[in-house]
Structures are given as C-alpha cells and as structure tokens.
C-alpha cells in the first residue's frame, strides 16, 4: 500500500513538473486532471476544467475547438492549433485504450507557440526586407537617375539628383563654381562630371589640394617660376599648374586653406586671366575655368578676416552644395551595392549583404560620408570569411548607433554638441589658442574639455 502511494506521488510529481501543459479527459470528454503548466500557458484555471465537459468549454468560447473531442471521434492521435482565450497553442491529443479497444482517457499535450509565431513574423519581415532591397537593385539597374554609376555617381535621392542637374546645366558655360560640402561627400566626382560634360573635356583637368602643398611652395606650384627664381629651382624654370591646365579646368580643392597673400594673386588671375611666374616679369595669358571646393564656412571666414571678400564673391558665382550622406538616405543602399560590386569584381569575390546590414547602414550617421562607406565595405568584403556579410561583422559603433540614440541623456546631447563644435572650429582655426578665443573660453578650459570629450 505504501509503495502504491509512493508511486502515485512520483507520477503526480512528474505530471506537475512537465514544462508543457498536460490535460487529461475521460471517455465522455470531462476533464479529470490538469497540471500547473497548462494554467501557466493558457491562463485557464484547474477548477474551470476539472469536472467540465469540453463541449461546454467550446460553447462558452474558452476553447476555439477541442482536440479531445476530435480524438474521441476519430479514435486516433490528433494535433491542431487551438485558441484558448484568444491565445494560440499547439495541442496534441493521444487516446488511451483498454484491453477491448475502447478509449478510456485522452491525454492532451499543450505547447505555447507565441515564440514560434514571433520567429515566423521575424522571418516574414526579413523576407519582405530582402524583397525590398532585391527590388531596389532591379530599379538601380534600370532607372535613368543611376546610369552614372560607372563614374562613381549614385543619384537616387532627389537631393543629389538636383545637384547633378545643376552640374550638367552649368557644364557648358565657363562661370566659376564653388562646391561646398563636408569631407568625403564626393566633391571631386562632381568636378569630373562637369569636366566630362563640358566643351573642355578634351583638355586637362588639373587638381590642386591647397591644404596638402606647403604654403611657401604653393605660389610656385600654381603659377610656376623662372630659372634662378630661388635656391633649388630648376635651371630651366617650370610652368605652373595654371599653365598646365590651359584650355581645360583647374580644380582648387580646400580653397579655404589658401593663405591670404596668395589669395590676392589668385583674384588677379580670375579678373585678368593671366599669370606671372615667380621671379618673372612678363604676364602669360591663360584660358582656364576655375572650380574650387571647401568643407569650411567661407562666408564666416570672410567675416573673421581669414578669407578675402572680393575673392569669395569671385569664386562663388555658382555655388553647389552637396548634402552629406546622412541627409541622402535614399542613396545609402545604392552606394552600398555599388561599392560591394566594385570590390567583388576587383578581387573576384561573390560577397553579398544580409538585408539587415543595409537597414543598419541607413540608420548610421556616416560622419565620414561616402569615403567612409567605400573604405568600410572594401574592408568587410576583404576580411569577412563567409559569403554573406552579417550585422555582427559591422563595427560596434554602427550596431550600437540606434540603441545609443534611444538611450541618450541630456548630458550625452550636450557633450555631442560641444564635441562637434570644438572639432569644427579646431579644423577651421588649427590652434587651441585661436579656437578658444572664437568659442569665448580660455585655452586651458578648452584643453580640459577636449580631454573629457576624447578629442585629440
């Protein structure tokens, strides 16, 4: 007797410890046993089930249908998706037969499929996202706005399409152009586009980075020099970049870094279209179109006396503002696929993006703009071992970007504003002394802020 009680307790413990819900009904469809997991999963209490006929539970709307009644009818195991008080569960009913082949009990196993439904929904979303980007790729192949991909121009957003229309419109004239935009937005690409579409396309396009050439050499590089003009000069003299660009276009990049004393001479070139070599006396007539570019606020530099107002007006006849990539969300996916295909062709790879990667790229701010994206995609394509680039392969700053925005505090916002302002002014004024003066704080206070904000 004691052994029988022990076995019953053991069976009851096993019955109650099951993670899945278990419900037992008799041959007439009345509930006789139910474990705690059933209540946890469905929310239906034991006293609502035990002694109640399952048909009554269906009539009351507690169950959408009864697997037990189906088993009693078909006399075989059955599995259905059942709604219990509007919650979907997966239920399996198994009949227990006596020695004469009659059903004595039906044991029902219940599993929560809400997690399964969530995964199913996530899969559907992922498939929809994949289809969206596959459709976009087909659009990119056919749309006229992105036929310039071979020139490195991606024009899918209305913002950059407006820029391209303006560039093509002014290509046939000789007015000076000032291209404005952050570093890495593709200013040089627009210059190449203007050159290619112009009547000067068969003549040189000479690029000059005014920030990369030492100031004491910039004048001789631009205007050339006569023999013996200075120590170390070529004995034959040398034509400058303006002369080399004769008939074509000269592109003065980072024009905001040109020293003031040289700005006077550049102004004369733009007014007279003639140059005088360093150490020379005669003037040389030139026929060039001047396009300049900067990532600095030239109008503010004019107010601060760092850039000549008359030169600014001469350069700024046709301004072209190229928006940063974060303001051209529609261009992010086309650029990503363009750079991926470019790298695949270059190295013989067949890498592809998981759709969620593109989604995260569209949420990212891209402080380095197009140049940052091109470098990142080449790095991912070359270093990732698997064929599909996954979210986990992206730099942490991109993955965590959206989360940080959701959890941002007032201090975070303040620090971010201070960091951006200090970095911008440092790039513009070069020294901490001048930057502190412009910001209206002491140099020591600026240095402390830089240390706190992690600015090098």
Protein backbone atom coordinates (compact mmCIF):
# COMPACT_ATOMS: atom_id res chain seq x y z
CA UNK A 1 0.00 0.00 0.00
CA UNK A 2 2.80 2.36 0.92
CA UNK A 3 4.61 1.52 -2.39
CA UNK A 4 1.45 2.31 -4.34
CA UNK A 5 1.15 5.72 -2.61
CA UNK A 6 4.82 6.47 -3.34
CA UNK A 7 4.34 5.62 -6.98
CA UNK A 8 1.25 7.83 -7.19
CA UNK A 9 3.16 10.74 -5.63
CA UNK A 10 6.01 10.17 -8.05
CA UNK A 11 3.65 10.10 -11.03
CA UNK A 12 1.91 13.25 -9.78
CA UNK A 13 5.28 15.00 -9.33
CA UNK A 14 6.28 14.05 -12.88
CA UNK A 15 2.87 15.18 -14.15
CA UNK A 16 3.14 18.57 -12.43
CA UNK A 17 6.82 19.15 -13.27
CA UNK A 18 6.29 18.94 -17.05
CA UNK A 19 7.17 22.19 -18.79
CA UNK A 20 4.41 21.53 -21.34
CA UNK A 21 0.79 21.71 -20.30
CA UNK A 22 -0.97 18.35 -19.80
CA UNK A 23 -4.73 17.89 -19.65
CA UNK A 24 -6.49 14.53 -19.18
CA UNK A 25 -10.15 13.89 -20.04
CA UNK A 26 -12.25 10.75 -19.69
CA UNK A 27 -14.06 8.86 -22.44
CA UNK A 28 -17.04 11.23 -22.19
CA UNK A 29 -14.96 14.37 -22.62
CA UNK A 30 -14.93 15.51 -18.98
CA UNK A 31 -11.72 16.91 -17.51
CA UNK A 32 -10.22 14.88 -14.71
CA UNK A 33 -6.60 16.07 -14.39
CA UNK A 34 -4.63 19.18 -15.39
CA UNK A 35 -1.10 20.32 -14.45
CA UNK A 36 0.14 23.78 -13.45
CA UNK A 37 1.92 24.30 -16.78
CA UNK A 38 -1.44 24.21 -18.59
CA UNK A 39 -2.67 27.13 -16.47
CA UNK A 40 0.63 28.99 -16.98
CA UNK A 41 0.42 28.63 -20.75
CA UNK A 42 -3.32 29.16 -21.31
CA UNK A 43 -4.45 31.17 -18.29
CA UNK A 44 -7.31 28.71 -17.69
CA UNK A 45 -7.57 27.58 -14.06
CA UNK A 46 -7.83 23.91 -12.99
CA UNK A 47 -11.29 24.38 -11.40
CA UNK A 48 -12.60 25.63 -14.77
CA UNK A 49 -11.53 22.36 -16.42
CA UNK A 50 -11.90 19.53 -13.95
CA UNK A 51 -15.42 18.10 -14.00
CA UNK A 52 -16.38 20.26 -17.02
CA UNK A 53 -17.27 18.79 -20.39
CA UNK A 54 -15.06 20.04 -23.21
CA UNK A 55 -18.06 20.76 -25.44
CA UNK A 56 -19.26 23.23 -22.78
CA UNK A 57 -15.84 24.94 -22.84
CA UNK A 58 -16.13 25.31 -26.62
CA UNK A 59 -19.67 26.67 -26.31
CA UNK A 60 -18.51 29.21 -23.71
CA UNK A 61 -15.75 30.41 -26.07
CA UNK A 62 -12.94 29.38 -23.75
CA UNK A 63 -11.67 26.94 -26.40
CA UNK A 64 -11.94 27.51 -30.14
CA UNK A 65 -12.26 23.75 -30.65
CA UNK A 66 -11.41 20.60 -28.70
CA UNK A 67 -8.70 18.16 -29.75
CA UNK A 68 -10.08 15.70 -27.17
CA UNK A 69 -13.47 15.56 -28.90
CA UNK A 70 -11.70 15.05 -32.23
CA UNK A 71 -9.67 12.16 -30.80
CA UNK A 72 -12.83 10.57 -29.35
CA UNK A 73 -14.46 10.90 -32.76
CA UNK A 74 -11.55 9.70 -34.95
CA UNK A 75 -10.11 7.28 -32.37
CA UNK A 76 -6.54 8.23 -33.21
CA UNK A 77 -3.94 10.85 -32.17
CA UNK A 78 -4.68 14.39 -33.44
CA UNK A 79 -2.72 17.67 -33.47
CA UNK A 80 -4.30 21.09 -34.01
CA UNK A 81 -3.57 24.78 -33.40
CA UNK A 82 -6.11 25.80 -30.79
CA UNK A 83 -7.12 29.17 -29.39
CA UNK A 84 -7.53 29.24 -25.64
CA UNK A 85 -8.99 32.61 -24.66
CA UNK A 86 -7.53 34.11 -27.86
CA UNK A 87 -4.05 32.72 -27.22
CA UNK A 88 -2.77 30.30 -29.83
CA UNK A 89 -1.35 26.98 -28.59
CA UNK A 90 -0.28 23.78 -30.25
CA UNK A 91 -2.19 20.83 -28.79
CA UNK A 92 -1.76 17.08 -29.38
CA UNK A 93 -4.36 14.59 -28.12
CA UNK A 94 -3.44 10.93 -27.60
CA UNK A 95 -6.05 8.25 -26.84
CA UNK A 96 -5.54 5.57 -24.19
CA UNK A 97 -7.33 2.29 -24.99
CA UNK A 98 -8.44 -0.53 -22.69
CA UNK A 99 -7.97 -4.24 -23.46
CA UNK A 100 -11.18 -4.28 -25.54
CA UNK A 101 -10.02 -1.37 -27.73
CA UNK A 102 -12.25 1.28 -26.18
CA UNK A 103 -10.93 4.75 -25.37
CA UNK A 104 -10.78 5.28 -21.63
CA UNK A 105 -8.85 8.55 -21.49
CA UNK A 106 -7.46 11.25 -23.79
CA UNK A 107 -4.18 12.88 -22.76
CA UNK A 108 -3.63 16.31 -24.30
CA UNK A 109 -0.19 17.92 -24.52
CA UNK A 110 -0.19 21.75 -24.86
CA UNK A 111 2.69 23.91 -26.11
CA UNK A 112 2.96 27.69 -26.25
CA UNK A 113 3.61 28.74 -29.87
CA UNK A 114 3.73 32.52 -29.29
CA UNK A 115 7.55 32.40 -29.59
CA UNK A 116 7.17 30.32 -32.74
CA UNK A 117 4.76 32.92 -34.12
CA UNK A 118 7.23 35.69 -33.23
CA UNK A 119 10.01 33.92 -35.10
CA UNK A 120 7.64 33.34 -38.00
CA UNK A 121 6.83 37.06 -38.05
CA UNK A 122 10.52 37.95 -37.93
CA UNK A 123 11.14 35.60 -40.85
CA UNK A 124 8.32 37.22 -42.81
CA UNK A 125 9.78 40.67 -42.07
CA UNK A 126 13.23 39.51 -43.12
CA UNK A 127 11.86 38.09 -46.37
CA UNK A 128 9.94 41.31 -47.02
CA UNK A 129 13.08 43.35 -46.35
CA UNK A 130 15.09 41.11 -48.67
CA UNK A 131 12.48 41.51 -51.39
CA UNK A 132 12.50 45.29 -50.90
CA UNK A 133 16.25 45.51 -51.46
CA UNK A 134 16.19 42.99 -54.33
CA UNK A 135 13.51 45.13 -55.99
CA UNK A 136 15.63 48.22 -55.35
CA UNK A 137 18.62 46.57 -57.00
CA UNK A 138 16.50 45.95 -60.11
CA UNK A 139 15.39 49.58 -60.01
CA UNK A 140 19.01 50.71 -59.75
CA UNK A 141 19.77 48.75 -62.94
CA UNK A 142 17.02 50.43 -64.95
CA UNK A 143 16.48 53.92 -63.55
CA UNK A 144 17.96 56.76 -65.55
CA UNK A 145 18.93 58.52 -62.33
CA UNK A 146 21.59 55.93 -61.57
CA UNK A 147 23.02 55.36 -65.02
CA UNK A 148 26.09 57.29 -63.95
CA UNK A 149 27.24 54.52 -61.60
CA UNK A 150 30.28 53.80 -63.74
CA UNK A 151 31.54 57.32 -62.98
CA UNK A 152 31.15 56.81 -59.24
CA UNK A 153 27.98 58.92 -59.10
CA UNK A 154 24.94 57.46 -57.36
CA UNK A 155 21.85 59.55 -57.92
CA UNK A 156 18.80 58.03 -56.32
CA UNK A 157 17.79 60.74 -53.85
CA UNK A 158 16.13 63.94 -55.05
CA UNK A 159 18.81 65.93 -53.19
CA UNK A 160 21.70 64.61 -55.28
CA UNK A 161 19.64 64.50 -58.50
CA UNK A 162 19.18 68.26 -58.10
CA UNK A 163 22.95 68.64 -57.71
CA UNK A 164 23.59 66.59 -60.87
CA UNK A 165 21.06 68.56 -62.89
CA UNK A 166 22.75 71.80 -61.84
CA UNK A 167 26.22 70.39 -62.63
CA UNK A 168 25.13 69.28 -66.11
CA UNK A 169 23.41 72.61 -66.72
CA UNK A 170 26.49 74.71 -65.92
CA UNK A 171 28.99 72.38 -67.63
CA UNK A 172 28.62 74.21 -70.95
CA UNK A 173 29.50 77.65 -69.53
CA UNK A 174 32.74 78.99 -68.04
CA UNK A 175 31.46 80.60 -64.83
CA UNK A 176 33.50 79.89 -61.72
CA UNK A 177 31.96 77.28 -59.43
CA UNK A 178 32.28 76.86 -55.67
CA UNK A 179 31.46 73.37 -54.40
CA UNK A 180 30.52 73.19 -50.72
CA UNK A 181 30.16 70.11 -48.57
CA UNK A 182 31.64 68.03 -45.79
CA UNK A 183 34.75 65.97 -46.33
CA UNK A 184 34.02 62.76 -48.21
CA UNK A 185 30.73 63.76 -49.87
CA UNK A 186 32.11 63.41 -53.39
CA UNK A 187 33.07 66.94 -54.44
CA UNK A 188 35.77 65.72 -56.82
CA UNK A 189 33.28 63.39 -58.52
CA UNK A 190 31.06 66.36 -59.36
CA UNK A 191 34.07 68.23 -60.76
CA UNK A 192 34.89 65.28 -63.02
CA UNK A 193 31.28 65.17 -64.15
CA UNK A 194 31.36 68.88 -65.07
CA UNK A 195 34.64 68.41 -66.94
CA UNK A 196 33.33 65.40 -68.86
CA UNK A 197 30.13 67.19 -69.91
CA UNK A 198 31.91 70.45 -70.85
CA UNK A 199 33.43 71.70 -74.11
CA UNK A 200 36.79 71.48 -72.28
CA UNK A 201 36.61 67.69 -71.87
CA UNK A 202 39.46 67.16 -74.38
CA UNK A 203 41.72 69.44 -72.36
CA UNK A 204 43.31 68.81 -68.95
CA UNK A 205 41.54 68.65 -65.59
CA UNK A 206 44.20 69.65 -63.06
CA UNK A 207 43.51 69.08 -59.37
CA UNK A 208 45.27 71.13 -56.70
CA UNK A 209 44.88 70.38 -52.99
CA UNK A 210 45.61 73.75 -51.41
CA UNK A 211 45.88 72.18 -47.95
CA UNK A 212 48.39 69.49 -48.98
CA UNK A 213 51.03 71.77 -50.57
CA UNK A 214 53.27 73.71 -48.14
CA UNK A 215 52.36 77.40 -48.18
CA UNK A 216 55.85 78.55 -49.26
CA UNK A 217 55.66 76.27 -52.31
CA UNK A 218 52.02 76.84 -53.25
CA UNK A 219 52.64 80.01 -55.29
CA UNK A 220 55.36 78.43 -57.43
CA UNK A 221 53.23 75.29 -57.89
CA UNK A 222 50.24 77.32 -59.06
CA UNK A 223 51.96 79.96 -61.18
CA UNK A 224 55.32 78.35 -61.99
CA UNK A 225 58.75 80.01 -61.77
CA UNK A 226 61.54 81.32 -63.98
CA UNK A 227 65.06 79.92 -63.90
CA UNK A 228 67.04 81.09 -60.92
CA UNK A 229 63.91 82.34 -59.15
CA UNK A 230 65.02 80.82 -55.86
CA UNK A 231 67.59 78.45 -54.42
CA UNK A 232 66.99 74.92 -55.61
CA UNK A 233 64.81 75.99 -58.53
CA UNK A 234 65.09 74.11 -61.82
CA UNK A 235 67.62 75.89 -64.03
CA UNK A 236 65.15 75.75 -66.91
CA UNK A 237 62.25 77.17 -64.91
CA UNK A 238 58.91 75.42 -64.63
CA UNK A 239 55.34 76.10 -65.81
CA UNK A 240 52.76 76.19 -63.03
CA UNK A 241 49.53 74.23 -62.71
CA UNK A 242 47.50 77.09 -64.21
CA UNK A 243 49.60 76.90 -67.36
CA UNK A 244 49.30 73.12 -67.43
CA UNK A 245 45.50 73.45 -67.21
CA UNK A 246 45.38 75.87 -70.16
CA UNK A 247 42.30 75.16 -72.25
CA UNK A 248 40.84 72.96 -69.52
CA UNK A 249 39.74 73.19 -65.91
CA UNK A 250 41.74 73.73 -62.73
CA UNK A 251 40.17 72.40 -59.54
CA UNK A 252 41.30 74.20 -56.39
CA UNK A 253 40.33 71.84 -53.58
CA UNK A 254 40.40 73.02 -49.94
CA UNK A 255 40.42 76.63 -51.13
CA UNK A 256 39.74 77.76 -47.56
CA UNK A 257 43.33 76.82 -46.64
CA UNK A 258 44.91 79.18 -49.18
CA UNK A 259 47.00 81.87 -47.39
CA UNK A 260 45.75 85.46 -47.60
CA UNK A 261 48.77 86.78 -49.50
CA UNK A 262 48.22 84.22 -52.25
CA UNK A 263 44.50 84.96 -52.39
CA UNK A 264 45.35 88.41 -53.80
CA UNK A 265 47.26 86.86 -56.71
CA UNK A 266 44.51 84.32 -57.37
CA UNK A 267 41.98 87.15 -57.53
CA UNK A 268 44.07 88.85 -60.23
CA UNK A 269 44.15 85.62 -62.24
CA UNK A 270 40.36 85.37 -62.07
CA UNK A 271 39.97 89.00 -63.13
CA UNK A 272 42.59 89.19 -65.90
CA UNK A 273 43.11 85.51 -66.82
CA UNK A 274 46.84 85.95 -66.85
CA UNK A 275 49.59 84.79 -64.54
CA UNK A 276 53.14 85.86 -63.74
CA UNK A 277 55.67 83.21 -62.84
CA UNK A 278 57.65 83.56 -59.61
CA UNK A 279 60.80 85.52 -60.46
CA UNK A 280 59.36 86.56 -63.81
CA UNK A 281 58.27 89.89 -65.23
CA UNK A 282 56.11 89.10 -68.24
CA UNK A 283 52.49 88.02 -67.95
CA UNK A 284 51.21 84.85 -69.58
CA UNK A 285 47.65 84.72 -70.87
CA UNK A 286 45.72 81.60 -69.86
CA UNK A 287 42.36 80.12 -70.78
CA UNK A 288 41.12 78.09 -67.84
CA UNK A 289 37.92 77.51 -65.97
CA UNK A 290 38.28 77.62 -62.18
CA UNK A 291 36.29 75.32 -59.90
CA UNK A 292 37.01 75.44 -56.18
CA UNK A 293 35.77 73.43 -53.23
CA UNK A 294 35.86 73.57 -49.45
CA UNK A 295 34.36 71.94 -46.37
CA UNK A 296 34.69 75.22 -44.46
CA UNK A 297 32.20 78.06 -43.99
CA UNK A 298 33.88 80.64 -46.26
CA UNK A 299 31.27 83.30 -45.50
CA UNK A 300 32.15 83.06 -41.80
CA UNK A 301 35.86 83.14 -42.63
CA UNK A 302 35.23 86.35 -44.60
CA UNK A 303 33.59 87.89 -41.51
CA UNK A 304 36.59 86.83 -39.40
CA UNK A 305 39.06 88.32 -41.87
CA UNK A 306 40.51 84.92 -42.80
CA UNK A 307 39.34 84.97 -46.41
CA UNK A 308 39.15 87.86 -48.85
CA UNK A 309 35.61 89.05 -49.51
CA UNK A 310 36.31 90.04 -53.12
CA UNK A 311 37.82 86.61 -53.88
CA UNK A 312 34.88 84.90 -52.18
CA UNK A 313 32.39 86.70 -54.43
CA UNK A 314 34.51 85.90 -57.49
CA UNK A 315 34.64 82.19 -56.63
CA UNK A 316 31.02 81.95 -55.50
CA UNK A 317 29.32 82.84 -58.79
CA UNK A 318 27.70 79.40 -58.99
CA UNK A 319 27.63 77.61 -55.61
CA UNK A 320 26.86 73.88 -55.50
CA UNK A 321 26.04 72.47 -52.07
CA UNK A 322 26.46 68.69 -51.80
CA UNK A 323 24.45 67.33 -48.86
CA UNK A 324 26.10 64.81 -46.52
CA UNK A 325 25.18 61.14 -46.86
CA UNK A 326 23.06 61.17 -43.68
CA UNK A 327 20.73 63.63 -45.46
CA UNK A 328 20.54 61.39 -48.54
CA UNK A 329 19.14 58.19 -47.02
CA UNK A 330 17.84 57.03 -50.41
CA UNK A 331 21.43 56.90 -51.72
CA UNK A 332 22.81 54.67 -48.96
CA UNK A 333 21.60 51.30 -50.32
CA UNK A 334 22.64 52.08 -53.95
CA UNK A 335 26.09 53.22 -52.79
CA UNK A 336 26.50 50.11 -50.62
CA UNK A 337 25.72 47.76 -53.51
CA UNK A 338 27.84 49.82 -55.91
CA UNK A 339 30.92 49.59 -53.67
CA UNK A 340 30.24 45.90 -52.91
CA UNK A 341 30.04 45.03 -56.62
CA UNK A 342 33.12 47.12 -57.32
CA UNK A 343 35.15 45.26 -54.68
CA UNK A 344 33.76 41.87 -55.73
CA UNK A 345 34.85 42.50 -59.33
CA UNK A 346 38.24 43.76 -58.25
CA UNK A 347 39.12 40.71 -56.15
CA UNK A 348 36.97 38.03 -57.77
CA UNK A 349 34.65 37.67 -54.74
CA UNK A 350 30.92 36.96 -54.62
CA UNK A 351 30.06 38.56 -51.28
CA UNK A 352 26.55 39.82 -50.54
CA UNK A 353 24.77 41.74 -47.77
CA UNK A 354 22.29 40.38 -45.27
CA UNK A 355 19.28 42.75 -45.66
CA UNK A 356 19.56 43.80 -42.01
CA UNK A 357 23.04 45.18 -42.76
CA UNK A 358 21.53 47.66 -45.22
CA UNK A 359 18.89 48.59 -42.64
CA UNK A 360 21.60 49.44 -40.09
CA UNK A 361 23.60 51.36 -42.69
CA UNK A 362 20.54 53.52 -43.30
CA UNK A 363 20.31 54.30 -39.56
CA UNK A 364 24.02 55.20 -39.25
CA UNK A 365 25.12 58.87 -39.44
CA UNK A 366 28.20 58.34 -41.69
CA UNK A 367 30.39 61.16 -40.31
CA UNK A 368 32.99 60.32 -42.99
CA UNK A 369 30.31 60.27 -45.70
CA UNK A 370 30.84 58.33 -48.95
CA UNK A 371 34.57 57.89 -48.41
CA UNK A 372 33.90 56.20 -45.04
CA UNK A 373 31.36 53.85 -46.64
CA UNK A 374 33.66 52.88 -49.51
CA UNK A 375 36.53 52.09 -47.13
CA UNK A 376 34.26 50.14 -44.76
CA UNK A 377 32.73 48.00 -47.49
CA UNK A 378 36.09 47.17 -49.01
CA UNK A 379 37.38 46.17 -45.55
CA UNK A 380 34.33 43.99 -44.87
CA UNK A 381 34.46 42.35 -48.30
CA UNK A 382 38.14 41.51 -47.96
CA UNK A 383 38.23 40.41 -44.31
CA UNK A 384 34.90 38.61 -43.73
CA UNK A 385 35.31 34.84 -44.27
CA UNK A 386 31.69 33.99 -45.12
CA UNK A 387 29.90 34.97 -48.34
CA UNK A 388 27.08 36.91 -46.66
CA UNK A 389 28.14 39.99 -44.69
CA UNK A 390 26.18 39.90 -41.41
CA UNK A 391 25.22 42.54 -38.83
CA UNK A 392 27.82 41.03 -36.47
CA UNK A 393 30.56 41.89 -39.00
CA UNK A 394 29.84 45.63 -38.79
CA UNK A 395 31.88 47.88 -36.49
CA UNK A 396 30.41 48.18 -33.00
CA UNK A 397 29.74 51.90 -33.43
CA UNK A 398 27.27 51.12 -36.23
CA UNK A 399 25.47 48.27 -34.47
CA UNK A 400 25.13 50.29 -31.27
CA UNK A 401 24.20 53.53 -33.02
CA UNK A 402 20.40 53.16 -32.86
CA UNK A 403 20.44 51.85 -29.29
CA UNK A 404 22.53 54.81 -28.16
CA UNK A 405 20.06 57.23 -29.73
CA UNK A 406 17.17 55.63 -27.85
CA UNK A 407 19.02 55.78 -24.52
CA UNK A 408 20.57 59.23 -24.97
CA UNK A 409 20.63 61.55 -21.95
CA UNK A 410 20.72 65.35 -21.76
CA UNK A 411 24.43 65.17 -20.88
CA UNK A 412 25.05 63.00 -23.96
CA UNK A 413 23.35 65.59 -26.16
CA UNK A 414 25.33 68.44 -24.59
CA UNK A 415 28.62 66.58 -24.94
CA UNK A 416 27.85 65.72 -28.55
CA UNK A 417 27.09 69.35 -29.42
CA UNK A 418 30.27 70.55 -27.66
CA UNK A 419 32.36 67.86 -29.37
CA UNK A 420 31.09 68.71 -32.86
CA UNK A 421 31.53 72.45 -32.33
CA UNK A 422 35.07 72.10 -30.96
CA UNK A 423 36.12 69.70 -33.73
CA UNK A 424 34.69 72.00 -36.39
CA UNK A 425 36.43 75.10 -35.00
CA UNK A 426 39.72 73.24 -34.50
CA UNK A 427 39.67 72.15 -38.13
CA UNK A 428 39.00 75.72 -39.13
CA UNK A 429 41.40 77.62 -36.84
CA UNK A 430 44.08 74.93 -36.36
CA UNK A 431 45.32 76.02 -32.88
CA UNK A 432 43.73 75.67 -29.44
CA UNK A 433 44.54 79.29 -28.66
CA UNK A 434 42.61 80.69 -31.62
CA UNK A 435 39.81 78.13 -31.24
CA UNK A 436 39.34 79.01 -27.55
CA UNK A 437 39.22 82.70 -28.44
CA UNK A 438 36.49 82.12 -31.05
CA UNK A 439 34.49 79.91 -28.66
CA UNK A 440 34.71 82.52 -25.92
CA UNK A 441 36.54 80.36 -23.36
CA UNK A 442 40.09 80.16 -22.05
CA UNK A 443 42.67 77.94 -23.70
CA UNK A 444 43.03 75.82 -20.53
CA UNK A 445 39.24 75.33 -20.36
CA UNK A 446 39.24 74.21 -24.00
CA UNK A 447 42.06 71.72 -23.41
CA UNK A 448 40.19 70.24 -20.41
CA UNK A 449 37.01 69.90 -22.47
CA UNK A 450 38.96 68.20 -25.24
CA UNK A 451 40.42 65.70 -22.79
CA UNK A 452 36.99 64.99 -21.28
CA UNK A 453 35.34 64.59 -24.71
CA UNK A 454 38.16 62.45 -26.11
CA UNK A 455 39.17 64.96 -28.80
CA UNK A 456 42.77 64.56 -29.97
